[in-house]
N, C-alpha and C. Protein backbone atom coordinates (compact mmCIF):
# COMPACT_ATOMS: atom_id res chain seq x y z
N LEU A 1 1.57 2.16 15.79
CA LEU A 1 1.48 3.06 14.80
C LEU A 1 1.22 4.64 15.45
N VAL A 2 1.84 5.58 15.08
CA VAL A 2 1.52 6.85 15.69
C VAL A 2 1.04 7.80 14.62
N ALA A 3 0.43 8.91 14.91
CA ALA A 3 -0.04 10.10 14.07
C ALA A 3 0.21 11.11 14.87
N HIS A 4 0.10 12.33 14.10
CA HIS A 4 -0.04 13.62 14.77
C HIS A 4 -1.54 13.85 15.28
N ARG A 5 -1.54 14.55 16.78
CA ARG A 5 -2.69 14.75 17.30
C ARG A 5 -3.72 15.46 16.50
N ILE A 6 -3.36 16.53 15.78
CA ILE A 6 -4.26 17.20 14.95
C ILE A 6 -4.68 16.50 13.82
N ALA A 7 -4.17 15.51 13.24
CA ALA A 7 -4.50 14.77 12.15
C ALA A 7 -5.90 14.05 12.18
N GLY A 8 -6.42 13.91 13.42
CA GLY A 8 -7.68 13.18 13.62
C GLY A 8 -7.64 11.81 13.08
N LEU A 9 -6.48 11.05 13.00
CA LEU A 9 -6.43 9.57 12.93
C LEU A 9 -6.39 8.91 14.24
N LYS A 10 -7.35 8.36 14.51
CA LYS A 10 -7.61 7.73 15.79
C LYS A 10 -7.63 6.21 15.79
N LYS A 11 -8.10 5.88 14.58
CA LYS A 11 -8.50 4.21 14.40
C LYS A 11 -7.70 3.64 13.32
N LEU A 12 -7.42 2.65 12.99
CA LEU A 12 -6.83 1.94 12.03
C LEU A 12 -7.39 2.42 10.60
N PRO A 13 -8.82 2.10 10.54
CA PRO A 13 -9.32 2.37 9.29
C PRO A 13 -9.01 3.95 8.65
N ALA A 14 -8.99 4.80 9.68
CA ALA A 14 -8.63 6.17 9.10
C ALA A 14 -7.12 6.22 8.48
N LEU A 15 -6.44 5.21 8.69
CA LEU A 15 -5.13 5.25 7.81
C LEU A 15 -4.99 5.15 6.41
N VAL A 16 -6.09 4.44 5.89
CA VAL A 16 -6.33 4.34 4.52
C VAL A 16 -6.34 5.52 3.84
N GLY A 17 -5.68 5.66 2.82
CA GLY A 17 -5.29 6.72 1.91
C GLY A 17 -4.46 8.00 2.52
N GLN A 18 -3.71 7.39 3.55
CA GLN A 18 -2.80 8.32 4.18
C GLN A 18 -1.27 8.03 3.59
N ARG A 19 -0.35 8.97 4.11
CA ARG A 19 1.02 8.73 3.91
C ARG A 19 1.67 7.99 4.93
N ALA A 20 2.30 6.82 4.69
CA ALA A 20 3.07 6.06 5.67
C ALA A 20 4.42 6.38 5.76
N ALA A 21 4.90 6.48 7.21
CA ALA A 21 6.26 6.69 7.34
C ALA A 21 6.82 5.33 8.09
N TRP A 22 7.73 4.51 7.25
CA TRP A 22 8.18 3.44 7.62
C TRP A 22 9.84 3.58 8.01
N VAL A 23 10.20 2.70 8.98
CA VAL A 23 11.53 2.82 9.52
C VAL A 23 12.47 2.21 8.43
N ASP A 24 12.48 0.95 8.26
CA ASP A 24 13.17 0.23 7.17
C ASP A 24 12.56 -1.13 6.93
N PRO A 25 12.79 -1.58 5.72
CA PRO A 25 12.17 -2.83 5.37
C PRO A 25 12.53 -4.14 6.46
N TYR A 26 13.43 -3.96 7.21
CA TYR A 26 13.96 -4.97 8.11
C TYR A 26 13.56 -4.53 9.62
N SER A 27 12.92 -3.60 9.95
CA SER A 27 12.57 -3.16 11.14
C SER A 27 11.43 -3.76 11.52
N ALA A 28 11.40 -4.51 12.67
CA ALA A 28 10.28 -5.55 13.16
C ALA A 28 8.98 -4.46 13.63
N SER A 29 9.29 -3.37 14.37
CA SER A 29 8.37 -2.54 14.90
C SER A 29 8.13 -1.29 14.05
N GLY A 30 9.08 -0.98 13.15
CA GLY A 30 8.87 0.13 12.14
C GLY A 30 8.43 -0.14 10.91
N TYR A 31 8.08 -1.56 10.52
CA TYR A 31 7.62 -1.93 8.98
C TYR A 31 6.91 -3.36 9.19
N VAL A 32 7.74 -4.23 9.62
CA VAL A 32 7.33 -5.65 9.55
C VAL A 32 6.01 -5.95 10.36
N LEU A 33 5.92 -5.89 11.58
CA LEU A 33 4.84 -6.27 12.33
C LEU A 33 3.57 -5.39 12.07
N PRO A 34 3.86 -4.08 11.93
CA PRO A 34 2.51 -3.26 11.35
C PRO A 34 1.87 -3.82 10.38
N ARG A 35 2.83 -4.13 9.13
CA ARG A 35 2.11 -4.41 7.99
C ARG A 35 1.32 -5.89 8.24
N ILE A 36 1.95 -6.67 8.81
CA ILE A 36 1.34 -7.98 9.18
C ILE A 36 0.00 -7.77 9.96
N GLU A 37 0.04 -6.89 11.10
CA GLU A 37 -1.18 -6.77 11.79
C GLU A 37 -2.20 -5.98 11.07
N LEU A 38 -1.87 -5.11 10.21
CA LEU A 38 -2.88 -4.20 9.44
C LEU A 38 -3.39 -5.40 8.56
N ALA A 39 -2.80 -6.24 7.69
CA ALA A 39 -3.29 -7.19 6.85
C ALA A 39 -4.58 -8.12 7.86
N LYS A 40 -3.94 -8.44 8.95
CA LYS A 40 -5.00 -9.38 9.75
C LYS A 40 -6.12 -8.49 10.05
N ARG A 41 -6.06 -7.24 10.28
CA ARG A 41 -7.34 -6.42 10.50
C ARG A 41 -8.06 -5.86 9.45
N GLY A 42 -7.74 -6.57 8.26
CA GLY A 42 -8.35 -6.11 6.94
C GLY A 42 -8.07 -5.01 6.11
N ILE A 43 -6.83 -4.56 6.38
CA ILE A 43 -6.18 -3.30 5.81
C ILE A 43 -5.14 -3.91 4.93
N ASP A 44 -5.26 -3.83 3.63
CA ASP A 44 -4.03 -4.21 2.78
C ASP A 44 -3.09 -3.33 2.56
N PRO A 45 -2.08 -3.49 3.23
CA PRO A 45 -0.74 -2.62 3.03
C PRO A 45 -0.29 -2.35 1.75
N LYS A 46 -0.48 -3.36 0.90
CA LYS A 46 0.23 -3.15 -0.32
C LYS A 46 -0.78 -2.03 -1.33
N THR A 47 -1.87 -1.65 -0.82
CA THR A 47 -2.67 -0.95 -1.64
C THR A 47 -3.31 0.38 -0.78
N ALA A 48 -3.14 0.40 0.44
CA ALA A 48 -4.02 1.13 1.37
C ALA A 48 -3.46 2.63 1.48
N PHE A 49 -2.25 2.78 1.35
CA PHE A 49 -1.60 4.05 1.36
C PHE A 49 -1.43 4.93 0.22
N THR A 50 -1.59 6.25 0.16
CA THR A 50 -1.26 7.11 -1.02
C THR A 50 0.23 7.00 -1.44
N THR A 51 1.14 7.06 -0.30
CA THR A 51 2.52 7.00 -0.36
C THR A 51 3.15 6.15 0.80
N GLU A 52 4.31 5.48 0.45
CA GLU A 52 4.99 4.81 1.64
C GLU A 52 6.49 5.24 1.44
N ARG A 53 7.09 5.63 2.57
CA ARG A 53 8.63 5.88 2.28
C ARG A 53 9.42 5.34 3.63
N PHE A 54 10.60 4.98 3.37
CA PHE A 54 11.32 4.60 4.45
C PHE A 54 12.13 5.76 4.99
N PHE A 55 12.26 5.93 6.24
CA PHE A 55 13.03 7.30 6.71
C PHE A 55 14.32 6.81 7.40
N ARG A 56 14.62 5.33 7.62
CA ARG A 56 15.74 4.69 8.10
C ARG A 56 16.16 4.75 9.62
N SER A 57 15.20 5.53 10.32
CA SER A 57 15.50 5.46 11.79
C SER A 57 14.01 5.78 12.30
N HIS A 58 13.63 5.31 13.70
CA HIS A 58 12.53 5.61 14.27
C HIS A 58 12.42 7.04 14.54
N THR A 59 13.25 7.66 14.82
CA THR A 59 13.48 9.32 15.14
C THR A 59 13.00 9.90 13.87
N ALA A 60 13.53 9.62 12.52
CA ALA A 60 13.31 10.23 11.42
C ALA A 60 11.92 9.91 11.06
N ALA A 61 11.31 8.76 11.39
CA ALA A 61 9.99 8.51 10.84
C ALA A 61 8.98 9.12 11.78
N VAL A 62 9.12 9.35 12.96
CA VAL A 62 8.24 10.06 14.00
C VAL A 62 8.47 11.47 13.46
N ARG A 63 9.61 12.12 13.26
CA ARG A 63 9.89 13.53 12.95
C ARG A 63 9.15 13.91 11.55
N ALA A 64 9.18 12.88 10.66
CA ALA A 64 8.50 13.13 9.45
C ALA A 64 6.66 13.34 9.77
N VAL A 65 6.30 12.62 10.64
CA VAL A 65 4.76 12.92 11.14
C VAL A 65 4.66 14.22 11.83
N LEU A 66 5.46 14.43 12.80
CA LEU A 66 5.59 15.89 13.40
C LEU A 66 5.70 17.09 12.42
N GLU A 67 6.56 16.80 11.46
CA GLU A 67 6.69 17.88 10.41
C GLU A 67 5.66 17.78 9.22
N ARG A 68 4.70 16.93 9.37
CA ARG A 68 3.69 16.77 8.33
C ARG A 68 4.05 16.24 7.11
N ARG A 69 5.10 15.57 7.13
CA ARG A 69 5.69 15.34 5.74
C ARG A 69 5.05 13.62 5.58
N ALA A 70 4.67 13.05 6.54
CA ALA A 70 3.88 11.88 6.64
C ALA A 70 2.72 11.98 7.37
N ASP A 71 1.70 11.04 7.39
CA ASP A 71 0.46 11.22 8.14
C ASP A 71 0.61 10.25 9.51
N PHE A 72 1.26 9.21 9.32
CA PHE A 72 1.51 8.16 10.32
C PHE A 72 2.86 7.47 10.29
N ALA A 73 3.12 6.86 11.33
CA ALA A 73 4.63 5.99 11.32
C ALA A 73 4.41 4.90 12.20
N GLY A 74 5.31 3.82 11.77
CA GLY A 74 5.46 2.65 12.55
C GLY A 74 6.66 2.84 13.33
N THR A 75 6.52 2.60 14.65
CA THR A 75 7.60 2.69 15.53
C THR A 75 7.33 1.85 16.80
N TRP A 76 8.07 2.22 17.92
CA TRP A 76 7.99 1.41 19.16
C TRP A 76 7.87 2.25 20.32
N ILE A 77 7.38 1.40 21.29
CA ILE A 77 7.38 2.36 22.65
C ILE A 77 7.79 1.41 23.67
N GLY A 78 8.43 1.88 24.96
CA GLY A 78 8.73 0.89 25.80
C GLY A 78 7.85 1.34 27.12
N ARG A 79 7.30 0.35 27.66
CA ARG A 79 6.29 0.60 28.91
C ARG A 79 6.84 0.03 30.08
N ASP A 80 6.54 0.36 31.41
CA ASP A 80 6.94 0.03 32.39
C ASP A 80 6.10 -1.06 32.99
N ALA A 81 6.30 -1.70 34.09
CA ALA A 81 5.35 -3.00 34.62
C ALA A 81 3.78 -2.55 34.60
N ALA A 82 3.64 -1.15 34.92
CA ALA A 82 2.31 -0.76 35.01
C ALA A 82 1.57 -0.34 33.68
N GLY A 83 2.34 -0.56 32.58
CA GLY A 83 1.91 -0.25 31.40
C GLY A 83 2.25 1.19 30.85
N VAL A 84 2.85 1.90 31.72
CA VAL A 84 2.89 3.51 31.37
C VAL A 84 4.21 3.45 30.40
N ILE A 85 4.01 4.40 29.33
CA ILE A 85 5.05 4.70 28.50
C ILE A 85 6.16 5.27 29.17
N VAL A 86 7.55 4.70 29.17
CA VAL A 86 8.61 5.17 29.82
C VAL A 86 9.79 5.64 28.75
N ARG A 87 9.47 5.07 27.45
CA ARG A 87 10.39 5.37 26.37
C ARG A 87 9.75 5.39 25.19
N ALA A 88 10.08 6.34 24.28
CA ALA A 88 9.68 6.29 22.88
C ALA A 88 10.35 7.46 22.16
N PRO A 89 10.65 7.20 20.71
CA PRO A 89 11.31 7.95 20.01
C PRO A 89 10.88 9.47 20.00
N TRP A 90 9.65 9.89 20.34
CA TRP A 90 9.32 11.17 20.02
C TRP A 90 9.47 11.98 21.58
N GLN A 91 9.84 11.33 22.85
CA GLN A 91 9.80 11.88 24.03
C GLN A 91 10.74 13.14 24.19
N GLU A 92 11.85 12.87 23.37
CA GLU A 92 12.73 13.96 23.47
C GLU A 92 12.62 15.10 22.54
N MET A 93 11.79 15.00 21.57
CA MET A 93 11.66 15.94 20.26
C MET A 93 10.68 16.99 20.64
N ILE A 94 11.31 18.15 20.15
CA ILE A 94 10.50 19.30 20.27
C ILE A 94 9.08 18.97 19.56
N GLY A 95 8.01 19.20 20.01
CA GLY A 95 6.69 18.87 19.69
C GLY A 95 6.34 17.64 19.73
N GLY A 96 6.96 16.66 20.48
CA GLY A 96 6.81 15.32 20.77
C GLY A 96 5.51 14.86 21.37
N GLU A 97 4.87 16.10 22.18
CA GLU A 97 3.71 15.94 22.87
C GLU A 97 2.43 15.80 21.81
N ALA A 98 2.69 16.05 20.56
CA ALA A 98 1.64 16.14 19.64
C ALA A 98 1.43 14.82 18.91
N ILE A 99 2.12 13.69 19.26
CA ILE A 99 2.25 12.41 18.82
C ILE A 99 0.94 11.62 19.60
N ARG A 100 0.10 10.92 18.79
CA ARG A 100 -0.89 10.31 19.22
C ARG A 100 -0.60 8.75 18.95
N ILE A 101 -0.83 7.64 19.86
CA ILE A 101 -0.83 6.36 19.43
C ILE A 101 -2.04 5.98 18.79
N VAL A 102 -1.96 5.34 17.54
CA VAL A 102 -3.06 4.90 16.87
C VAL A 102 -3.49 3.43 17.23
N GLU A 103 -2.53 2.58 17.39
CA GLU A 103 -2.59 1.36 17.61
C GLU A 103 -1.40 0.72 18.06
N THR A 104 -1.30 -0.35 18.94
CA THR A 104 -0.32 -1.10 19.31
C THR A 104 -0.41 -2.47 19.01
N PHE A 105 0.67 -3.34 18.83
CA PHE A 105 0.43 -4.40 18.21
C PHE A 105 1.14 -5.72 18.98
N GLY A 106 1.57 -5.34 20.27
CA GLY A 106 2.09 -6.34 21.22
C GLY A 106 3.56 -6.25 21.33
N ILE A 107 4.14 -7.23 21.85
CA ILE A 107 5.56 -7.21 22.22
C ILE A 107 6.43 -7.87 21.12
N ILE A 108 7.49 -7.24 20.72
CA ILE A 108 8.36 -7.53 19.61
C ILE A 108 9.67 -8.11 20.47
N PRO A 109 10.29 -9.18 20.02
CA PRO A 109 11.47 -9.58 20.84
C PRO A 109 12.61 -8.42 20.78
N SER A 110 13.47 -8.58 21.59
CA SER A 110 14.60 -7.46 21.55
C SER A 110 15.48 -7.76 20.39
N ASP A 111 16.23 -6.56 20.06
CA ASP A 111 17.23 -6.71 19.20
C ASP A 111 18.44 -7.57 19.65
N THR A 112 19.20 -8.11 18.85
CA THR A 112 20.18 -8.89 19.30
C THR A 112 21.76 -8.32 18.85
N ILE A 113 22.53 -8.83 19.53
CA ILE A 113 23.82 -8.54 19.08
C ILE A 113 24.58 -9.87 18.65
N ALA A 114 24.93 -10.27 17.53
CA ALA A 114 25.35 -11.63 17.14
C ALA A 114 26.77 -11.43 16.71
N ALA A 115 27.29 -12.65 16.88
CA ALA A 115 28.77 -12.89 16.64
C ALA A 115 28.84 -13.95 15.29
N ARG A 116 29.81 -13.60 14.48
CA ARG A 116 29.86 -14.61 13.32
C ARG A 116 30.46 -15.92 13.91
N PRO A 117 29.81 -16.85 13.16
CA PRO A 117 29.78 -18.38 13.53
C PRO A 117 31.23 -18.86 13.85
N THR A 118 32.05 -18.24 13.02
CA THR A 118 33.70 -18.75 13.18
C THR A 118 34.43 -17.97 14.37
N LEU A 119 33.81 -17.21 15.17
CA LEU A 119 34.42 -16.62 16.22
C LEU A 119 34.35 -17.62 17.15
N GLY A 120 35.39 -17.82 17.95
CA GLY A 120 35.74 -18.73 18.93
C GLY A 120 34.75 -18.63 20.31
N GLN A 121 34.51 -19.68 20.84
CA GLN A 121 33.69 -19.64 22.17
C GLN A 121 34.24 -18.89 23.20
N MET A 122 35.53 -18.74 23.42
CA MET A 122 36.22 -17.90 24.30
C MET A 122 36.09 -16.36 24.01
N GLU A 123 36.28 -15.97 22.74
CA GLU A 123 36.06 -14.77 22.33
C GLU A 123 34.48 -14.33 22.65
N THR A 124 33.76 -15.09 22.08
CA THR A 124 32.20 -14.77 22.32
C THR A 124 31.94 -14.56 23.62
N ASP A 125 32.39 -15.46 24.57
CA ASP A 125 31.95 -15.46 25.89
C ASP A 125 32.62 -13.91 26.56
N LYS A 126 33.87 -13.55 26.06
CA LYS A 126 34.40 -12.35 26.54
C LYS A 126 33.55 -11.15 25.98
N VAL A 127 33.31 -11.17 25.03
CA VAL A 127 32.50 -9.89 24.41
C VAL A 127 30.89 -9.86 25.12
N ARG A 128 30.27 -11.20 25.30
CA ARG A 128 28.97 -11.21 26.12
C ARG A 128 29.26 -10.76 27.46
N GLN A 129 30.33 -11.03 28.13
CA GLN A 129 30.52 -10.61 29.59
C GLN A 129 30.75 -9.15 29.56
N ALA A 130 31.58 -8.67 28.60
CA ALA A 130 31.99 -7.29 28.83
C ALA A 130 30.58 -6.45 28.38
N LEU A 131 29.81 -6.72 27.50
CA LEU A 131 28.68 -6.10 27.31
C LEU A 131 27.65 -6.11 28.59
N MET A 132 27.53 -7.29 29.09
CA MET A 132 26.65 -7.51 30.46
C MET A 132 27.19 -6.78 31.39
N SER A 133 28.58 -6.78 31.60
CA SER A 133 28.96 -6.01 32.79
C SER A 133 28.79 -4.53 32.59
N THR A 134 29.28 -4.15 31.32
CA THR A 134 28.92 -2.61 31.07
C THR A 134 27.56 -2.18 31.36
N SER A 135 26.51 -2.91 31.05
CA SER A 135 25.22 -2.65 31.17
C SER A 135 24.86 -2.41 32.78
N LYS A 136 25.61 -3.20 33.41
CA LYS A 136 25.38 -3.13 34.96
C LYS A 136 26.09 -1.84 35.54
N ALA A 137 27.50 -1.74 35.06
CA ALA A 137 28.15 -0.54 35.70
C ALA A 137 27.93 0.85 35.08
N HIS A 138 27.44 0.66 33.82
CA HIS A 138 27.29 2.07 33.08
C HIS A 138 25.88 2.04 32.38
N PRO A 139 24.99 1.90 33.18
CA PRO A 139 23.53 2.00 32.42
C PRO A 139 23.20 3.11 31.58
N HIS A 140 23.60 4.18 32.00
CA HIS A 140 23.35 5.44 31.29
C HIS A 140 24.09 5.46 30.01
N LEU A 141 25.14 5.04 30.01
CA LEU A 141 26.13 4.94 28.72
C LEU A 141 25.41 3.75 27.78
N VAL A 142 25.10 2.81 28.39
CA VAL A 142 24.32 1.76 27.60
C VAL A 142 23.35 2.24 26.92
N ARG A 143 22.26 3.03 27.69
CA ARG A 143 20.96 3.53 27.16
C ARG A 143 21.37 4.72 26.05
N ASP A 144 22.35 5.48 26.17
CA ASP A 144 22.62 6.58 25.35
C ASP A 144 23.09 5.93 24.04
N LEU A 145 24.03 4.81 24.14
CA LEU A 145 24.71 4.29 22.91
C LEU A 145 23.75 3.31 22.17
N PHE A 146 22.87 2.62 22.89
CA PHE A 146 22.29 1.35 22.33
C PHE A 146 20.90 1.53 22.49
N GLY A 147 20.21 2.55 23.40
CA GLY A 147 18.82 2.56 23.63
C GLY A 147 18.15 1.49 24.27
N VAL A 148 18.87 0.86 25.18
CA VAL A 148 18.51 -0.36 25.86
C VAL A 148 18.68 -0.25 27.47
N ASP A 149 18.02 -0.85 28.30
CA ASP A 149 18.36 -0.80 29.73
C ASP A 149 19.55 -1.64 29.95
N GLU A 150 19.48 -2.85 29.63
CA GLU A 150 20.44 -3.63 29.93
C GLU A 150 20.80 -4.75 28.78
N PHE A 151 21.91 -5.30 28.81
CA PHE A 151 22.08 -6.53 27.99
C PHE A 151 21.75 -7.79 28.76
N ARG A 152 21.19 -8.69 28.12
CA ARG A 152 20.91 -10.00 28.71
C ARG A 152 21.24 -11.20 27.83
N PRO A 153 21.41 -12.27 28.45
CA PRO A 153 21.65 -13.56 27.45
C PRO A 153 20.53 -13.60 26.61
N TRP A 154 20.89 -14.08 25.42
CA TRP A 154 19.56 -14.29 24.39
C TRP A 154 18.90 -15.41 24.56
N THR A 155 17.74 -15.33 24.34
CA THR A 155 16.74 -16.86 24.55
C THR A 155 15.85 -16.56 23.21
N ARG A 156 15.39 -17.63 22.93
CA ARG A 156 14.55 -17.81 21.66
C ARG A 156 13.19 -17.34 21.83
N GLU A 157 12.79 -17.00 22.91
CA GLU A 157 11.51 -16.63 23.31
C GLU A 157 10.83 -15.33 22.31
N GLY A 158 9.87 -15.77 21.63
CA GLY A 158 9.43 -14.66 20.70
C GLY A 158 9.86 -14.72 19.32
N TYR A 159 11.10 -15.06 19.14
CA TYR A 159 11.66 -14.94 17.89
C TYR A 159 11.18 -16.11 16.86
N ASP A 160 10.61 -17.28 17.32
CA ASP A 160 10.19 -18.16 16.47
C ASP A 160 8.80 -17.83 15.97
N VAL A 161 8.07 -17.31 16.77
CA VAL A 161 6.62 -16.60 16.18
C VAL A 161 6.85 -15.56 15.33
N LEU A 162 7.93 -14.56 15.78
CA LEU A 162 8.04 -13.51 14.75
C LEU A 162 8.49 -14.09 13.37
N GLN A 163 9.60 -14.94 13.31
CA GLN A 163 9.94 -15.65 12.15
C GLN A 163 8.70 -16.34 11.33
N GLU A 164 7.94 -17.00 11.79
CA GLU A 164 6.87 -17.47 11.22
C GLU A 164 5.97 -16.65 10.60
N HIS A 165 5.53 -15.52 11.21
CA HIS A 165 4.77 -14.53 10.80
C HIS A 165 5.50 -13.79 9.58
N THR A 166 6.68 -13.52 9.83
CA THR A 166 7.47 -12.66 8.84
C THR A 166 7.51 -13.66 7.55
N THR A 167 7.82 -14.84 7.53
CA THR A 167 7.87 -15.74 6.47
C THR A 167 6.59 -15.83 5.72
N GLN A 168 5.59 -16.01 6.43
CA GLN A 168 4.14 -15.89 5.92
C GLN A 168 3.70 -14.49 5.08
N ALA A 169 4.18 -13.52 5.75
CA ALA A 169 3.88 -12.25 5.22
C ALA A 169 4.71 -12.00 4.11
N SER A 170 6.00 -12.30 3.96
CA SER A 170 6.88 -12.17 3.00
C SER A 170 6.33 -13.17 1.66
N GLN A 171 5.71 -14.23 1.85
CA GLN A 171 5.23 -15.11 0.93
C GLN A 171 4.03 -14.32 0.37
N GLU A 172 3.18 -13.64 1.17
CA GLU A 172 1.97 -13.14 0.75
C GLU A 172 2.44 -11.68 0.13
N GLY A 173 3.56 -11.28 -0.06
CA GLY A 173 3.93 -10.00 -0.55
C GLY A 173 3.69 -8.83 0.11
N LEU A 174 3.52 -8.87 1.58
CA LEU A 174 3.24 -7.94 2.32
C LEU A 174 4.54 -7.20 2.78
N LEU A 175 5.66 -7.62 2.65
CA LEU A 175 6.98 -7.23 2.95
C LEU A 175 7.87 -6.74 1.73
N GLU A 176 7.22 -6.34 0.65
CA GLU A 176 8.07 -5.87 -0.37
C GLU A 176 8.51 -4.59 -0.02
N GLY A 177 9.63 -4.10 -0.27
CA GLY A 177 10.39 -2.93 0.11
C GLY A 177 9.59 -1.85 -0.86
N VAL A 178 9.25 -0.62 -0.21
CA VAL A 178 8.54 0.55 -1.05
C VAL A 178 9.51 1.29 -1.78
C-alpha cells in the first residue's frame, strides 16, 4: 500500500477513514491481497474507508494518489536480491518520488499467460517456446510490452496459498467489488 509523502499516512491504522484507490477486483496486488492482509491486521476493509474506487491499472491508482484524488493505493513493487526496489508503477511518473510505501504484504505469484484447454499440445508448446525465446532475445521489448523481466515455465508455487486465502476472503465478503 502506498500513500503520498505529505499525507502523513505512515502506518496501517492511519488508513482508516481515508480514500482507497484499488486497481481492479481481480488484481492480487492491487486489491485482493491488501484487503485480506488489512483484515488480518484488524482493519475491516468493508467499513474502514470513506470511499473506495477502482482505477483499472496500477499506474492510474498510483496517479490518483499523486493527484490527491485518493489517499492511498494498492499496487506492486519489484525488488532485487538485496531488497532494493527496482521496479514500481510510480518510478517513471512525474512526482513519483512523493510516493511512500505504507506497508508491504509479501510475495504474490506472477501473472500467467494461459491457453484454452482445447488448444493442442503442439500449438501450446510453440507459443510457450516463442514467448520464452523472445524474453531471452529481446528483454527490453518484453519488459516494455508485458512489464516482466522474462517468461518462465509455469509452476504451482504460491498459487494454492493465494487461492485458499482468496476463497476464504470471498466467503467473508472482503472481496465484493466496490
